[in-house]
N, C-alpha and C. Protein backbone atom coordinates (compact mmCIF):
# COMPACT_ATOMS: atom_id res chain seq x y z
N MET A 1 94.90 138.82 81.23
CA MET A 1 95.53 137.84 80.07
C MET A 1 96.90 137.69 80.19
N SER A 2 97.51 136.23 80.12
CA SER A 2 98.53 136.36 80.20
C SER A 2 99.81 137.15 79.63
N SER A 3 100.39 138.10 79.87
CA SER A 3 101.54 138.89 79.51
C SER A 3 102.32 138.12 78.08
N ASN A 4 102.89 136.47 78.64
CA ASN A 4 104.23 136.08 77.85
C ASN A 4 103.30 135.35 76.75
N ARG A 5 101.88 135.61 76.49
CA ARG A 5 101.20 134.81 75.41
C ARG A 5 101.87 135.69 73.98
N ALA A 6 102.12 134.17 72.79
CA ALA A 6 102.79 135.55 71.63
C ALA A 6 102.06 134.29 70.76
N TRP A 7 102.19 134.94 69.43
CA TRP A 7 101.57 134.18 68.84
C TRP A 7 102.56 133.72 68.13
N PRO A 8 102.98 132.38 67.18
CA PRO A 8 103.54 131.66 66.60
C PRO A 8 104.28 132.33 65.25
N ARG A 9 105.25 132.11 65.30
CA ARG A 9 105.67 132.98 63.73
C ARG A 9 105.28 132.80 62.76
N ALA A 10 104.80 133.50 61.99
CA ALA A 10 103.80 133.28 60.68
C ALA A 10 105.05 132.62 59.67
N ALA A 11 106.31 132.91 59.43
CA ALA A 11 106.95 132.05 58.50
C ALA A 11 108.01 130.90 58.96
N ALA A 12 107.40 130.46 59.88
CA ALA A 12 107.55 128.99 60.52
C ALA A 12 107.76 128.15 59.50
N ASP A 13 108.68 127.47 60.12
CA ASP A 13 109.91 126.24 59.02
C ASP A 13 109.78 125.16 59.46
N ASP A 14 109.09 125.45 60.89
CA ASP A 14 109.39 123.61 61.85
C ASP A 14 108.56 123.05 62.27
N GLU A 15 108.01 122.09 62.06
CA GLU A 15 105.94 121.97 62.56
C GLU A 15 106.11 121.82 63.96
N LEU A 16 107.15 121.03 64.44
CA LEU A 16 107.25 120.62 65.65
C LEU A 16 106.98 121.66 66.60
N ARG A 17 107.88 122.66 65.89
CA ARG A 17 107.91 124.24 66.73
C ARG A 17 107.02 124.66 66.86
N LEU A 18 106.22 125.10 65.38
CA LEU A 18 104.66 125.64 65.56
C LEU A 18 103.69 124.91 66.31
N LEU A 19 103.40 123.89 66.23
CA LEU A 19 102.44 122.97 66.43
C LEU A 19 102.73 123.20 68.51
N THR A 20 103.37 123.23 68.79
CA THR A 20 104.35 123.42 69.93
C THR A 20 103.72 124.70 70.27
N ASP A 21 103.86 125.87 69.51
CA ASP A 21 103.91 126.92 69.99
C ASP A 21 102.47 126.98 69.87
N PHE A 22 101.15 126.93 69.13
CA PHE A 22 100.58 127.18 68.90
C PHE A 22 99.52 126.65 70.12
N LEU A 23 99.98 125.92 70.72
CA LEU A 23 99.22 124.72 72.01
C LEU A 23 99.67 125.26 73.21
N THR A 24 101.47 126.55 72.62
CA THR A 24 101.43 127.21 74.10
C THR A 24 100.60 128.34 74.24
N PHE A 25 100.45 128.83 73.11
CA PHE A 25 100.25 130.23 73.03
C PHE A 25 98.41 129.95 73.48
N LEU A 26 97.60 128.81 73.54
CA LEU A 26 96.44 128.10 73.79
C LEU A 26 96.66 128.09 75.33
N ARG A 27 97.94 127.34 76.42
CA ARG A 27 97.49 127.23 77.43
C ARG A 27 97.46 128.00 77.79
N LEU A 28 98.41 129.17 77.66
CA LEU A 28 98.68 130.52 78.55
C LEU A 28 97.27 131.41 77.78
N THR A 29 96.49 131.47 77.17
CA THR A 29 94.89 131.53 77.15
C THR A 29 94.22 131.29 77.84
N ALA A 30 94.31 130.10 78.21
CA ALA A 30 93.37 129.09 79.65
C ALA A 30 93.14 129.35 80.64
N VAL A 31 95.07 129.81 80.90
CA VAL A 31 95.41 130.18 82.50
C VAL A 31 94.76 131.53 82.53
N GLY A 32 95.24 133.04 81.83
CA GLY A 32 94.67 133.73 81.23
C GLY A 32 93.22 133.75 81.83
N LYS A 33 92.49 133.44 81.62
CA LYS A 33 91.02 133.43 81.55
C LYS A 33 90.32 132.87 82.83
N VAL A 34 91.29 132.31 83.70
CA VAL A 34 91.44 131.83 84.95
C VAL A 34 92.10 132.78 86.27
N GLU A 35 92.91 133.76 85.44
CA GLU A 35 93.91 133.63 86.49
C GLU A 35 93.08 134.91 87.04
N GLY A 36 93.59 135.40 88.50
CA GLY A 36 92.20 136.93 89.09
C GLY A 36 90.96 136.52 89.59
N LEU A 37 90.34 134.92 88.91
CA LEU A 37 88.45 134.74 89.60
C LEU A 37 89.04 134.15 91.11
N SER A 38 87.65 134.24 91.70
CA SER A 38 88.54 133.95 93.06
C SER A 38 87.50 131.91 92.75
N ARG A 39 87.68 131.62 94.36
CA ARG A 39 87.46 130.06 94.22
C ARG A 39 86.30 130.36 93.95
N ASP A 40 85.02 131.05 94.37
CA ASP A 40 83.95 130.82 93.82
C ASP A 40 83.70 131.06 92.76
N LEU A 41 83.65 131.88 92.41
CA LEU A 41 83.74 132.70 90.34
C LEU A 41 83.83 131.48 89.77
N ALA A 42 85.31 131.31 89.89
CA ALA A 42 86.35 130.01 89.57
C ALA A 42 85.06 128.68 88.97
N THR A 43 84.33 128.05 90.44
CA THR A 43 84.01 126.92 90.39
C THR A 43 82.50 127.08 89.88
N ALA A 44 81.84 127.97 89.39
CA ALA A 44 80.22 128.47 89.55
C ALA A 44 80.35 127.62 88.02
N ALA A 45 79.06 126.41 88.28
CA ALA A 45 78.64 126.79 86.96
C ALA A 45 77.21 127.16 86.24
N PRO A 46 77.33 128.22 85.30
CA PRO A 46 76.55 129.16 85.03
C PRO A 46 75.60 128.44 84.04
N ILE A 47 75.83 127.33 83.51
CA ILE A 47 74.64 126.65 82.89
C ILE A 47 74.01 125.42 83.36
N PRO A 48 73.41 125.17 83.23
CA PRO A 48 72.09 124.97 84.24
C PRO A 48 72.37 123.21 83.13
N THR A 49 72.39 123.14 82.60
CA THR A 49 72.64 121.54 81.64
C THR A 49 73.66 121.31 81.80
N SER A 50 74.60 122.07 82.14
CA SER A 50 76.06 121.43 82.15
C SER A 50 76.56 121.70 83.77
N PRO A 51 76.66 121.15 84.74
CA PRO A 51 76.84 121.36 86.20
C PRO A 51 77.99 120.97 86.08
N VAL A 52 78.70 120.24 85.68
CA VAL A 52 80.18 120.26 85.79
C VAL A 52 81.34 120.70 84.71
N VAL A 53 80.51 121.75 84.40
CA VAL A 53 81.62 123.00 83.31
C VAL A 53 81.86 124.20 83.83
N THR A 54 82.58 124.51 84.74
CA THR A 54 83.64 125.44 85.54
C THR A 54 84.53 125.79 84.77
N ALA A 55 85.18 127.14 85.10
CA ALA A 55 86.52 127.30 84.93
C ALA A 55 87.54 126.49 85.44
N LEU A 56 87.23 126.34 86.34
CA LEU A 56 88.79 125.88 87.38
C LEU A 56 88.33 124.16 86.22
N GLY A 57 87.04 123.69 85.99
CA GLY A 57 86.80 122.63 86.40
C GLY A 57 87.48 121.87 84.86
N VAL A 58 87.51 122.77 83.92
CA VAL A 58 88.28 123.02 82.32
C VAL A 58 89.14 123.20 82.44
N ILE A 59 89.92 124.02 83.08
CA ILE A 59 91.98 123.81 83.38
C ILE A 59 91.86 122.04 83.99
N LYS A 60 91.28 121.80 84.73
CA LYS A 60 91.66 120.34 85.10
C LYS A 60 92.04 118.88 84.14
N HIS A 61 90.43 119.35 83.47
CA HIS A 61 90.36 118.37 82.27
C HIS A 61 91.49 118.49 81.68
N LEU A 62 91.80 119.80 81.29
CA LEU A 62 92.48 119.68 80.04
C LEU A 62 94.14 119.89 80.79
N THR A 63 93.74 119.28 81.77
CA THR A 63 96.02 118.91 82.50
C THR A 63 95.74 117.38 82.34
N ALA A 64 94.22 116.88 82.55
CA ALA A 64 94.03 115.47 82.32
C ALA A 64 94.11 115.07 80.30
N VAL A 65 93.65 115.82 79.87
CA VAL A 65 93.80 115.81 78.20
C VAL A 65 95.57 115.56 78.15
N GLU A 66 96.08 116.35 78.74
CA GLU A 66 97.07 116.33 78.41
C GLU A 66 98.29 115.82 79.11
N ARG A 67 97.99 114.65 79.70
CA ARG A 67 98.60 114.23 80.64
C ARG A 67 97.95 112.84 79.61
N TYR A 68 97.30 112.46 79.37
CA TYR A 68 96.49 111.55 78.96
C TYR A 68 97.27 111.04 77.30
N TRP A 69 97.13 112.29 76.49
CA TRP A 69 97.83 112.34 75.60
C TRP A 69 99.21 112.55 74.87
N LEU A 70 99.64 113.23 75.86
CA LEU A 70 101.38 113.66 75.64
C LEU A 70 102.15 112.87 76.14
N SER A 71 101.90 112.82 77.81
CA SER A 71 102.48 111.66 78.63
C SER A 71 102.94 110.20 78.53
N ILE A 72 101.30 110.08 78.50
CA ILE A 72 100.80 108.57 78.61
C ILE A 72 100.82 108.08 77.38
N GLU A 73 100.50 108.71 76.44
CA GLU A 73 100.32 107.69 74.54
C GLU A 73 101.68 108.69 73.83
N ALA A 74 101.56 110.16 73.89
CA ALA A 74 102.91 109.86 72.65
C ALA A 74 104.13 109.49 73.91
N GLY A 75 104.60 110.04 74.45
CA GLY A 75 105.57 109.78 76.10
C GLY A 75 105.98 108.18 76.30
N GLY A 76 104.70 107.35 76.47
CA GLY A 76 104.88 106.33 76.48
C GLY A 76 105.28 106.18 78.31
N GLN A 77 104.88 107.20 78.49
CA GLN A 77 105.23 106.96 80.47
C GLN A 77 104.11 106.41 80.74
N ASP A 78 105.08 105.39 82.02
CA ASP A 78 103.65 105.59 83.38
C ASP A 78 103.61 105.84 84.36
N VAL A 79 102.29 107.13 83.84
CA VAL A 79 102.11 107.94 84.52
C VAL A 79 100.14 107.41 85.31
N PRO A 80 99.66 107.70 86.07
CA PRO A 80 98.23 107.60 86.37
C PRO A 80 97.53 108.81 85.71
N ALA A 81 96.81 107.84 84.23
CA ALA A 81 96.28 109.09 83.77
C ALA A 81 94.89 109.51 85.09
N LEU A 82 94.26 110.88 84.42
CA LEU A 82 93.63 111.48 85.79
C LEU A 82 92.15 111.61 84.92
N TRP A 83 91.73 111.11 84.61
CA TRP A 83 90.26 110.83 84.10
C TRP A 83 89.19 110.51 84.85
N GLY A 84 89.36 109.41 85.95
CA GLY A 84 88.92 109.15 86.86
C GLY A 84 87.69 108.07 86.21
N ALA A 85 86.78 107.94 87.61
CA ALA A 85 86.02 106.68 86.61
C ALA A 85 84.76 106.70 85.68
N ASP A 86 83.98 108.19 85.53
CA ASP A 86 83.20 108.06 84.59
C ASP A 86 83.75 109.97 83.62
N ALA A 87 83.21 110.42 82.70
CA ALA A 87 83.60 111.34 81.83
C ALA A 87 83.14 112.33 82.67
N ASP A 88 83.13 112.67 83.44
CA ASP A 88 82.33 113.83 84.60
C ASP A 88 83.85 114.13 85.66
N ALA A 89 84.75 113.17 85.60
CA ALA A 89 85.42 113.30 86.97
C ALA A 89 86.41 113.74 86.87
N SER A 90 87.00 114.03 85.02
CA SER A 90 88.20 114.88 85.71
C SER A 90 88.03 116.49 84.65
N TRP A 91 86.46 116.79 85.42
CA TRP A 91 85.84 118.22 85.56
C TRP A 91 86.05 118.79 86.82
N LEU A 92 85.29 117.42 87.40
CA LEU A 92 85.52 117.73 89.56
C LEU A 92 86.27 118.68 90.01
N VAL A 93 86.04 119.68 90.72
CA VAL A 93 87.25 120.13 91.78
C VAL A 93 87.03 120.07 93.01
N GLU A 94 88.06 119.04 93.34
CA GLU A 94 87.58 118.88 95.11
C GLU A 94 87.72 120.28 95.66
N ASP A 95 87.89 120.25 97.03
CA ASP A 95 87.03 120.83 97.96
C ASP A 95 88.56 121.67 98.16
N HIS A 96 89.58 121.10 98.59
CA HIS A 96 90.85 121.21 98.64
C HIS A 96 91.66 122.04 97.83
N GLU A 97 91.46 122.04 96.95
CA GLU A 97 91.83 122.69 95.29
C GLU A 97 91.40 124.59 95.44
N THR A 98 92.14 125.18 95.06
CA THR A 98 92.04 126.23 94.89
C THR A 98 92.54 126.33 93.59
N VAL A 99 92.32 128.30 92.92
CA VAL A 99 92.77 128.24 91.78
C VAL A 99 93.78 128.14 91.54
N GLU A 100 94.90 128.51 92.38
CA GLU A 100 96.58 128.36 92.00
C GLU A 100 96.97 127.35 92.37
N SER A 101 96.25 126.57 93.13
CA SER A 101 97.02 125.31 92.64
C SER A 101 96.40 124.11 91.61
N VAL A 102 95.37 124.89 90.59
CA VAL A 102 94.75 123.72 89.76
C VAL A 102 95.41 124.17 88.78
N LEU A 103 95.74 125.59 88.69
CA LEU A 103 96.65 126.46 87.85
C LEU A 103 98.10 125.77 88.10
N ALA A 104 98.63 125.57 89.07
CA ALA A 104 99.95 125.08 88.91
C ALA A 104 100.02 123.49 88.74
N GLY A 105 98.83 122.83 88.95
CA GLY A 105 99.51 121.22 88.37
C GLY A 105 98.73 121.57 86.75
N TYR A 106 98.27 122.55 85.99
CA TYR A 106 98.58 122.56 84.63
C TYR A 106 100.16 122.50 83.70
N ARG A 107 100.69 123.31 84.95
CA ARG A 107 101.41 124.25 83.99
C ARG A 107 102.52 123.03 84.68
N ALA A 108 102.57 122.52 85.76
CA ALA A 108 103.74 121.41 85.45
C ALA A 108 103.38 120.00 84.51
N GLU A 109 102.15 119.64 84.37
CA GLU A 109 101.70 119.17 83.30
C GLU A 109 102.48 119.77 82.32
N TRP A 110 102.50 120.47 81.74
CA TRP A 110 103.04 121.49 80.73
C TRP A 110 104.61 120.54 80.81
N GLU A 111 105.44 120.76 81.73
CA GLU A 111 106.84 120.58 81.77
C GLU A 111 106.51 119.09 82.01
N ARG A 112 106.05 118.22 82.25
CA ARG A 112 105.80 116.43 82.09
C ARG A 112 106.09 116.60 80.54
N SER A 113 104.70 116.63 80.15
CA SER A 113 104.60 117.05 78.54
C SER A 113 105.74 117.09 78.28
N ALA A 114 106.41 118.15 78.20
CA ALA A 114 107.56 118.37 77.46
C ALA A 114 108.84 117.63 77.28
N ARG A 115 108.99 116.65 78.67
CA ARG A 115 109.85 116.16 79.08
C ARG A 115 109.97 114.50 78.13
N ALA A 116 108.35 114.25 78.39
CA ALA A 116 107.41 113.34 77.56
C ALA A 116 108.16 112.75 75.81
N ILE A 117 107.72 113.80 75.33
CA ILE A 117 107.51 113.93 73.86
C ILE A 117 109.53 114.50 73.49
N ALA A 118 109.98 114.73 74.20
CA ALA A 118 111.42 114.64 73.64
C ALA A 118 112.03 114.27 72.99
N GLY A 119 112.55 114.45 71.51
CA GLY A 119 113.66 113.13 71.44
C GLY A 119 111.97 112.85 69.72
N LEU A 120 110.74 113.20 69.78
CA LEU A 120 110.23 112.85 68.99
C LEU A 120 109.90 113.51 67.60
N ALA A 121 110.05 113.25 66.86
CA ALA A 121 109.48 114.21 64.98
C ALA A 121 108.02 113.76 65.21
N PRO A 122 107.79 115.24 64.35
CA PRO A 122 106.20 114.67 63.96
C PRO A 122 105.53 113.59 63.93
N GLY A 123 106.38 112.93 62.77
CA GLY A 123 106.20 111.99 62.10
C GLY A 123 106.26 110.69 62.70
N ASP A 124 106.49 110.52 63.95
CA ASP A 124 106.94 109.61 64.65
C ASP A 124 105.38 109.11 65.16
N ARG A 125 105.59 107.69 66.03
CA ARG A 125 104.46 106.63 66.08
C ARG A 125 104.33 107.09 67.42
N THR A 126 104.00 107.78 68.07
CA THR A 126 103.48 107.23 70.05
C THR A 126 103.94 106.50 70.43
N ARG A 127 104.75 106.33 71.80
CA ARG A 127 105.44 104.97 72.05
C ARG A 127 104.90 104.27 72.95
N ALA A 128 103.37 104.82 73.09
CA ALA A 128 102.84 103.95 73.69
C ALA A 128 101.62 102.94 73.10
N ASP A 129 100.96 103.78 71.88
CA ASP A 129 100.18 103.26 70.69
C ASP A 129 98.83 102.41 71.48
N ARG A 130 98.54 102.95 72.67
CA ARG A 130 97.59 102.06 72.82
C ARG A 130 96.14 101.03 72.79
N ASP A 131 95.82 101.52 71.64
CA ASP A 131 94.93 101.48 70.81
C ASP A 131 95.41 100.60 69.30
N GLY A 132 96.29 100.88 68.94
CA GLY A 132 96.64 100.50 67.66
C GLY A 132 96.74 101.08 66.87
N ASN A 133 96.47 102.34 66.91
CA ASN A 133 95.53 103.29 65.52
C ASN A 133 96.88 103.72 64.93
N GLY A 134 98.35 103.61 65.73
CA GLY A 134 99.44 103.91 65.11
C GLY A 134 99.93 106.07 64.89
N ARG A 135 98.69 106.92 65.74
CA ARG A 135 99.40 108.17 65.73
C ARG A 135 100.29 108.31 65.40
N THR A 136 100.33 109.42 65.27
CA THR A 136 101.70 110.57 65.16
C THR A 136 102.01 111.53 65.96
N LEU A 137 102.52 111.99 66.30
CA LEU A 137 103.17 112.75 67.31
C LEU A 137 102.08 114.05 66.89
N ARG A 138 102.27 114.34 65.72
CA ARG A 138 102.13 115.30 64.84
C ARG A 138 100.38 115.23 64.89
N TRP A 139 100.03 114.01 64.94
CA TRP A 139 98.01 114.07 64.93
C TRP A 139 97.80 114.37 66.59
N VAL A 140 99.06 113.86 67.77
CA VAL A 140 98.43 114.33 68.68
C VAL A 140 98.64 115.34 68.81
N LEU A 141 99.34 116.21 68.64
CA LEU A 141 99.17 117.47 69.01
C LEU A 141 98.22 118.12 68.21
N ALA A 142 97.60 117.67 66.48
CA ALA A 142 96.82 118.69 66.46
C ALA A 142 95.45 118.47 66.90
N HIS A 143 95.68 117.36 67.47
CA HIS A 143 94.53 116.88 68.64
C HIS A 143 94.54 117.59 70.12
N LEU A 144 95.79 117.87 70.41
CA LEU A 144 95.84 118.92 71.71
C LEU A 144 95.48 120.58 71.11
N VAL A 145 95.56 120.89 70.31
CA VAL A 145 95.45 122.02 70.06
C VAL A 145 93.85 122.09 69.40
N GLN A 146 93.74 121.60 68.87
CA GLN A 146 91.96 121.25 68.68
C GLN A 146 91.02 121.80 69.40
N GLU A 147 91.30 120.64 70.55
CA GLU A 147 90.75 120.33 72.36
C GLU A 147 90.99 121.61 72.78
N THR A 148 92.42 122.15 72.96
CA THR A 148 92.84 122.82 74.07
C THR A 148 91.51 124.25 73.67
N GLY A 149 91.70 124.84 71.88
CA GLY A 149 91.28 125.69 71.65
C GLY A 149 89.67 125.63 71.98
N ARG A 150 89.03 125.12 71.66
CA ARG A 150 87.41 124.63 72.09
C ARG A 150 87.47 124.56 72.94
N HIS A 151 88.34 124.46 74.45
CA HIS A 151 87.60 124.81 76.00
C HIS A 151 88.53 126.44 76.02
N VAL A 152 89.46 126.89 75.20
CA VAL A 152 88.98 128.02 75.57
C VAL A 152 88.10 128.75 75.30
N GLY A 153 87.31 128.61 74.39
CA GLY A 153 86.43 129.45 73.75
C GLY A 153 85.10 129.11 74.95
N HIS A 154 84.97 127.89 75.51
CA HIS A 154 84.37 127.76 76.39
C HIS A 154 84.79 128.89 77.94
N LEU A 155 86.22 128.87 78.00
CA LEU A 155 86.19 129.91 79.31
C LEU A 155 85.99 130.70 78.56
N ASP A 156 85.68 131.48 77.46
CA ASP A 156 86.10 133.20 77.44
C ASP A 156 84.69 133.04 77.72
N PHE A 157 83.28 131.79 77.79
CA PHE A 157 82.20 132.47 77.87
C PHE A 157 81.74 132.66 79.59
N LEU A 158 82.38 131.53 80.60
CA LEU A 158 82.56 131.27 81.53
C LEU A 158 83.62 132.44 81.93
N ARG A 159 84.24 132.75 81.75
CA ARG A 159 84.77 134.15 82.80
C ARG A 159 83.76 135.58 82.20
N GLU A 160 83.43 135.19 81.37
CA GLU A 160 81.96 136.47 80.80
C GLU A 160 81.42 136.32 81.60
N LEU A 161 80.60 135.09 82.05
CA LEU A 161 79.66 135.07 83.13
C LEU A 161 79.96 135.30 84.47
N ALA A 162 80.92 134.98 85.06
CA ALA A 162 81.69 135.25 86.18
C ALA A 162 81.70 136.32 86.53
N ASP A 163 82.33 137.22 85.71
CA ASP A 163 82.90 138.77 86.02
C ASP A 163 82.55 139.82 85.42
N GLY A 164 82.01 139.51 84.42
CA GLY A 164 82.12 140.55 83.26
C GLY A 164 83.30 140.53 82.39
N GLU A 165 84.38 139.82 82.55
CA GLU A 165 85.62 140.15 81.84
C GLU A 165 85.56 139.76 80.18
N LYS A 166 85.43 140.43 79.30
CA LYS A 166 85.72 139.84 77.98
C LYS A 166 87.23 139.84 77.82
N GLY A 167 88.44 138.79 77.14
CA GLY A 167 89.06 138.54 76.88
C GLY A 167 89.51 138.79 75.46
N GLU A 168 90.75 138.62 74.58
CA GLU A 168 91.97 138.60 73.31
C GLU A 168 90.64 137.48 72.98
């Protein structure tokens, strides 16, 4: 498990900091669930009814989620989405990708996301507002916290099924 993980301050009084600190905690937890796995274990799909759900695929999907919601929607950046042609595409691991390269891509997306939302306050509307719903940065961050948390739960099981390791 990543040693840089720390719970956000309990007496937090800065809403944006609290949301981003929880997101950071979950990001680091996700990375810690995959670090140390071989490529074979990280790309194993142990759930027969979900053949694209692998530990490394979860990280790729989380990278696509961050790209869309923080960089494109909230930040208004003109960068390509990572979704692909269908719902499963963001979960697929290419032959040339390694555990290290996928984790590095996820970490790089965190930095892109931070730059994209720089200067926004929690109640500010997203810069792109692609669907006209008037979402706020608060909504986007809350959505990312819940989605990342849900997928960290998937990673708990995927890691345990891969090598028996149980995390925090």
